[in-house]
Amino acid sequence: MSKPLALLFACLSVVLMSATAISLSHNVWIALLFFVLTIGMIGVGFVVRARQRRKSGTS
């Protein structure tokens, strides 16, 4: 995975984690939504990295 793409996934994940933490004091359902989005973003990052590795032939 290229460095700018990795930085993008990392920054978006941190923003979503911060939104989860902030929303905990306001609404549990919104916090749960942000939690699911955070886990999804981290998972998408792993999927993108695996596909790029498979495409380039690096293990």
PDB file of N, CA and C in Angstrom:
ATOM      1  N   MET A   1       0.851  -1.167   0.000  1.00  0.00           N
ATOM      2  CA  MET A   1       0.000   0.000   0.000  1.00  0.00           C
ATOM      3  C   MET A   1       0.902   1.237   0.000  1.00  0.00           C
ATOM      4  N   SER A   2       0.538   2.208  -0.801  1.00  0.00           N
ATOM      5  CA  SER A   2       1.335   3.426  -0.872  1.00  0.00           C
ATOM      6  C   SER A   2       1.200   4.222   0.436  1.00  0.00           C
ATOM      7  N   LYS A   3       2.185   5.035   0.702  1.00  0.00           N
ATOM      8  CA  LYS A   3       2.178   5.802   1.946  1.00  0.00           C
ATOM      9  C   LYS A   3       1.021   6.797   2.029  1.00  0.00           C
ATOM     10  N   PRO A   4       0.698   7.513   0.947  1.00  0.00           N
ATOM     11  CA  PRO A   4      -0.457   8.430   1.055  1.00  0.00           C
ATOM     12  C   PRO A   4      -1.776   7.697   1.314  1.00  0.00           C
ATOM     13  N   LEU A   5      -1.943   6.538   0.700  1.00  0.00           N
ATOM     14  CA  LEU A   5      -3.170   5.772   0.916  1.00  0.00           C
ATOM     15  C   LEU A   5      -3.232   5.242   2.346  1.00  0.00           C
ATOM     16  N   ALA A   6      -2.105   4.771   2.865  1.00  0.00           N
ATOM     17  CA  ALA A   6      -2.062   4.296   4.243  1.00  0.00           C
ATOM     18  C   ALA A   6      -2.342   5.439   5.216  1.00  0.00           C
ATOM     19  N   LEU A   7      -1.802   6.618   4.917  1.00  0.00           N
ATOM     20  CA  LEU A   7      -2.047   7.780   5.766  1.00  0.00           C
ATOM     21  C   LEU A   7      -3.522   8.162   5.735  1.00  0.00           C
ATOM     22  N   LEU A   8      -4.136   8.082   4.572  1.00  0.00           N
ATOM     23  CA  LEU A   8      -5.562   8.387   4.456  1.00  0.00           C
ATOM     24  C   LEU A   8      -6.401   7.446   5.322  1.00  0.00           C
ATOM     25  N   PHE A   9      -6.143   6.147   5.227  1.00  0.00           N
ATOM     26  CA  PHE A   9      -6.893   5.185   6.035  1.00  0.00           C
ATOM     27  C   PHE A   9      -6.650   5.410   7.523  1.00  0.00           C
ATOM     28  N   ALA A  10      -5.406   5.711   7.898  1.00  0.00           N
ATOM     29  CA  ALA A  10      -5.095   5.938   9.306  1.00  0.00           C
ATOM     30  C   ALA A  10      -5.810   7.181   9.834  1.00  0.00           C
ATOM     31  N   CYS A  11      -5.772   8.261   9.072  1.00  0.00           N
ATOM     32  CA  CYS A  11      -6.415   9.506   9.513  1.00  0.00           C
ATOM     33  C   CYS A  11      -7.931   9.357   9.598  1.00  0.00           C
ATOM     34  N   LEU A  12      -8.515   8.709   8.613  1.00  0.00           N
ATOM     35  CA  LEU A  12      -9.968   8.499   8.660  1.00  0.00           C
ATOM     36  C   LEU A  12     -10.363   7.612   9.842  1.00  0.00           C
ATOM     37  N   SER A  13      -9.561   6.608  10.134  1.00  0.00           N
ATOM     38  CA  SER A  13      -9.855   5.750  11.278  1.00  0.00           C
ATOM     39  C   SER A  13      -9.759   6.521  12.588  1.00  0.00           C
ATOM     40  N   VAL A  14      -8.760   7.380  12.709  1.00  0.00           N
ATOM     41  CA  VAL A  14      -8.615   8.184  13.928  1.00  0.00           C
ATOM     42  C   VAL A  14      -9.784   9.153  14.075  1.00  0.00           C
ATOM     43  N   VAL A  15     -10.209   9.755  12.979  1.00  0.00           N
ATOM     44  CA  VAL A  15     -11.360  10.668  13.026  1.00  0.00           C
ATOM     45  C   VAL A  15     -12.616   9.909  13.461  1.00  0.00           C
ATOM     46  N   LEU A  16     -12.808   8.722  12.917  1.00  0.00           N
ATOM     47  CA  LEU A  16     -13.992   7.936  13.306  1.00  0.00           C
ATOM     48  C   LEU A  16     -13.914   7.486  14.758  1.00  0.00           C
ATOM     49  N   MET A  17     -12.711   7.129  15.234  1.00  0.00           N
ATOM     50  CA  MET A  17     -12.560   6.757  16.645  1.00  0.00           C
ATOM     51  C   MET A  17     -12.844   7.945  17.554  1.00  0.00           C
ATOM     52  N   SER A  18     -12.395   9.117  17.164  1.00  0.00           N
ATOM     53  CA  SER A  18     -12.665  10.322  17.952  1.00  0.00           C
ATOM     54  C   SER A  18     -14.159  10.630  17.969  1.00  0.00           C
ATOM     55  N   ALA A  19     -14.804  10.475  16.818  1.00  0.00           N
ATOM     56  CA  ALA A  19     -16.251  10.699  16.759  1.00  0.00           C
ATOM     57  C   ALA A  19     -16.987   9.706  17.646  1.00  0.00           C
ATOM     58  N   THR A  20     -16.503   8.470  17.708  1.00  0.00           N
ATOM     59  CA  THR A  20     -17.110   7.469  18.587  1.00  0.00           C
ATOM     60  C   THR A  20     -16.982   7.896  20.036  1.00  0.00           C
ATOM     61  N   ALA A  21     -15.794   8.336  20.423  1.00  0.00           N
ATOM     62  CA  ALA A  21     -15.564   8.750  21.806  1.00  0.00           C
ATOM     63  C   ALA A  21     -16.421   9.955  22.180  1.00  0.00           C
ATOM     64  N   ILE A  22     -16.511  10.924  21.289  1.00  0.00           N
ATOM     65  CA  ILE A  22     -17.301  12.130  21.577  1.00  0.00           C
ATOM     66  C   ILE A  22     -18.790  11.805  21.652  1.00  0.00           C
ATOM     67  N   SER A  23     -19.247  10.949  20.756  1.00  0.00           N
ATOM     68  CA  SER A  23     -20.685  10.649  20.715  1.00  0.00           C
ATOM     69  C   SER A  23     -21.138   9.748  21.858  1.00  0.00           C
ATOM     70  N   LEU A  24     -20.198   9.118  22.573  1.00  0.00           N
ATOM     71  CA  LEU A  24     -20.589   8.290  23.712  1.00  0.00           C
ATOM     72  C   LEU A  24     -21.334   9.093  24.779  1.00  0.00           C
ATOM     73  N   SER A  25     -20.953  10.345  24.948  1.00  0.00           N
ATOM     74  CA  SER A  25     -21.614  11.147  25.968  1.00  0.00           C
ATOM     75  C   SER A  25     -22.951  11.717  25.500  1.00  0.00           C
ATOM     76  N   HIS A  26     -23.245  11.626  24.212  1.00  0.00           N
ATOM     77  CA  HIS A  26     -24.482  12.197  23.690  1.00  0.00           C
ATOM     78  C   HIS A  26     -25.540  11.141  23.392  1.00  0.00           C
ATOM     79  N   ASN A  27     -25.178  10.147  22.594  1.00  0.00           N
ATOM     80  CA  ASN A  27     -26.170   9.169  22.165  1.00  0.00           C
ATOM     81  C   ASN A  27     -25.466   7.837  21.914  1.00  0.00           C
ATOM     82  N   VAL A  28     -25.930   6.807  22.567  1.00  0.00           N
ATOM     83  CA  VAL A  28     -25.295   5.494  22.457  1.00  0.00           C
ATOM     84  C   VAL A  28     -25.457   4.918  21.054  1.00  0.00           C
ATOM     85  N   TRP A  29     -26.594   5.177  20.417  1.00  0.00           N
ATOM     86  CA  TRP A  29     -26.831   4.617  19.088  1.00  0.00           C
ATOM     87  C   TRP A  29     -25.915   5.242  18.040  1.00  0.00           C
ATOM     88  N   ILE A  30     -25.673   6.524  18.171  1.00  0.00           N
ATOM     89  CA  ILE A  30     -24.738   7.194  17.258  1.00  0.00           C
ATOM     90  C   ILE A  30     -23.326   6.666  17.507  1.00  0.00           C
ATOM     91  N   ALA A  31     -22.988   6.461  18.771  1.00  0.00           N
ATOM     92  CA  ALA A  31     -21.670   5.907  19.109  1.00  0.00           C
ATOM     93  C   ALA A  31     -21.513   4.510  18.524  1.00  0.00           C
ATOM     94  N   LEU A  32     -22.561   3.720  18.580  1.00  0.00           N
ATOM     95  CA  LEU A  32     -22.516   2.377  18.007  1.00  0.00           C
ATOM     96  C   LEU A  32     -22.335   2.442  16.490  1.00  0.00           C
ATOM     97  N   LEU A  33     -23.006   3.377  15.854  1.00  0.00           N
ATOM     98  CA  LEU A  33     -22.857   3.565  14.410  1.00  0.00           C
ATOM     99  C   LEU A  33     -21.416   3.940  14.059  1.00  0.00           C
ATOM    100  N   PHE A  34     -20.841   4.898  14.788  1.00  0.00           N
ATOM    101  CA  PHE A  34     -19.459   5.282  14.529  1.00  0.00           C
ATOM    102  C   PHE A  34     -18.495   4.133  14.805  1.00  0.00           C
ATOM    103  N   PHE A  35     -18.790   3.317  15.815  1.00  0.00           N
ATOM    104  CA  PHE A  35     -17.945   2.156  16.109  1.00  0.00           C
ATOM    105  C   PHE A  35     -17.944   1.177  14.941  1.00  0.00           C
ATOM    106  N   VAL A  36     -19.113   0.899  14.408  1.00  0.00           N
ATOM    107  CA  VAL A  36     -19.219  -0.018  13.271  1.00  0.00           C
ATOM    108  C   VAL A  36     -18.499   0.567  12.056  1.00  0.00           C
ATOM    109  N   LEU A  37     -18.650   1.868  11.820  1.00  0.00           N
ATOM    110  CA  LEU A  37     -17.949   2.514  10.711  1.00  0.00           C
ATOM    111  C   LEU A  37     -16.435   2.462  10.898  1.00  0.00           C
ATOM    112  N   THR A  38     -15.974   2.618  12.132  1.00  0.00           N
ATOM    113  CA  THR A  38     -14.534   2.545  12.414  1.00  0.00           C
ATOM    114  C   THR A  38     -13.990   1.160  12.111  1.00  0.00           C
ATOM    115  N   ILE A  39     -14.667   0.139  12.596  1.00  0.00           N
ATOM    116  CA  ILE A  39     -14.233  -1.244  12.336  1.00  0.00           C
ATOM    117  C   ILE A  39     -14.282  -1.521  10.840  1.00  0.00           C
ATOM    118  N   GLY A  40     -15.310  -1.025  10.159  1.00  0.00           N
ATOM    119  CA  GLY A  40     -15.404  -1.203   8.708  1.00  0.00           C
ATOM    120  C   GLY A  40     -14.266  -0.530   7.971  1.00  0.00           C
ATOM    121  N   MET A  41     -13.900   0.674   8.375  1.00  0.00           N
ATOM    122  CA  MET A  41     -12.802   1.399   7.725  1.00  0.00           C
ATOM    123  C   MET A  41     -11.474   0.663   7.916  1.00  0.00           C
ATOM    124  N   ILE A  42     -11.242   0.156   9.114  1.00  0.00           N
ATOM    125  CA  ILE A  42     -10.015  -0.606   9.364  1.00  0.00           C
ATOM    126  C   ILE A  42     -10.009  -1.872   8.511  1.00  0.00           C
ATOM    127  N   GLY A  43     -11.155  -2.545   8.423  1.00  0.00           N
ATOM    128  CA  GLY A  43     -11.255  -3.748   7.601  1.00  0.00           C
ATOM    129  C   GLY A  43     -11.031  -3.460   6.125  1.00  0.00           C
ATOM    130  N   VAL A  44     -11.578  -2.368   5.642  1.00  0.00           N
ATOM    131  CA  VAL A  44     -11.381  -1.992   4.234  1.00  0.00           C
ATOM    132  C   VAL A  44      -9.906  -1.714   3.971  1.00  0.00           C
ATOM    133  N   GLY A  45      -9.224  -1.114   4.926  1.00  0.00           N
ATOM    134  CA  GLY A  45      -7.792  -0.872   4.777  1.00  0.00           C
ATOM    135  C   GLY A  45      -7.009  -2.164   4.612  1.00  0.00           C
ATOM    136  N   PHE A  46      -7.352  -3.174   5.412  1.00  0.00           N
ATOM    137  CA  PHE A  46      -6.693  -4.474   5.283  1.00  0.00           C
ATOM    138  C   PHE A  46      -7.000  -5.129   3.938  1.00  0.00           C
ATOM    139  N   VAL A  47      -8.236  -4.998   3.487  1.00  0.00           N
ATOM    140  CA  VAL A  47      -8.625  -5.591   2.209  1.00  0.00           C
ATOM    141  C   VAL A  47      -7.871  -4.927   1.055  1.00  0.00           C
ATOM    142  N   VAL A  48      -7.791  -3.612   1.084  1.00  0.00           N
ATOM    143  CA  VAL A  48      -7.077  -2.892   0.023  1.00  0.00           C
ATOM    144  C   VAL A  48      -5.609  -3.287   0.014  1.00  0.00           C
ATOM    145  N   ARG A  49      -5.011  -3.383   1.190  1.00  0.00           N
ATOM    146  CA  ARG A  49      -3.597  -3.760   1.265  1.00  0.00           C
ATOM    147  C   ARG A  49      -3.382  -5.181   0.728  1.00  0.00           C
ATOM    148  N   ALA A  50      -4.265  -6.102   1.083  1.00  0.00           N
ATOM    149  CA  ALA A  50      -4.130  -7.477   0.608  1.00  0.00           C
ATOM    150  C   ALA A  50      -4.302  -7.563  -0.904  1.00  0.00           C
ATOM    151  N   ARG A  51      -5.247  -6.818  -1.454  1.00  0.00           N
ATOM    152  CA  ARG A  51      -5.450  -6.847  -2.908  1.00  0.00           C
ATOM    153  C   ARG A  51      -4.265  -6.249  -3.648  1.00  0.00           C
ATOM    154  N   GLN A  52      -3.691  -5.193  -3.110  1.00  0.00           N
ATOM    155  CA  GLN A  52      -2.530  -4.605  -3.771  1.00  0.00           C
ATOM    156  C   GLN A  52      -1.321  -5.524  -3.689  1.00  0.00           C
ATOM    157  N   ARG A  53      -1.171  -6.214  -2.561  1.00  0.00           N
ATOM    158  CA  ARG A  53      -0.071  -7.184  -2.460  1.00  0.00           C
ATOM    159  C   ARG A  53      -0.257  -8.330  -3.439  1.00  0.00           C
ATOM    160  N   ARG A  54      -1.486  -8.826  -3.533  1.00  0.00           N
ATOM    161  CA  ARG A  54      -1.770  -9.926  -4.451  1.00  0.00           C
ATOM    162  C   ARG A  54      -1.545  -9.491  -5.893  1.00  0.00           C
ATOM    163  N   LYS A  55      -1.910  -8.264  -6.205  1.00  0.00           N
ATOM    164  CA  LYS A  55      -1.763  -7.747  -7.568  1.00  0.00           C
ATOM    165  C   LYS A  55      -0.287  -7.599  -7.935  1.00  0.00           C
ATOM    166  N   SER A  56       0.543  -7.166  -6.980  1.00  0.00           N
ATOM    167  CA  SER A  56       1.956  -6.965  -7.267  1.00  0.00           C
ATOM    168  C   SER A  56       2.771  -8.253  -7.130  1.00  0.00           C
ATOM    169  N   GLY A  57       2.198  -9.286  -6.522  1.00  0.00           N
ATOM    170  CA  GLY A  57       2.891 -10.563  -6.376  1.00  0.00           C
ATOM    171  C   GLY A  57       3.784 -10.642  -5.167  1.00  0.00           C
ATOM    172  N   THR A  58       3.738  -9.667  -4.268  1.00  0.00           N
ATOM    173  CA  THR A  58       4.537  -9.680  -3.046  1.00  0.00           C
ATOM    174  C   THR A  58       3.775 -10.389  -1.956  1.00  0.00           C
ATOM    175  N   SER A  59       4.487 -11.238  -1.210  1.00  0.00           N
ATOM    176  CA  SER A  59       3.785 -11.947  -0.123  1.00  0.00           C
ATOM    177  C   SER A  59       4.157 -11.444   1.237  1.00  0.00           C
TER     178      SER A  59
END
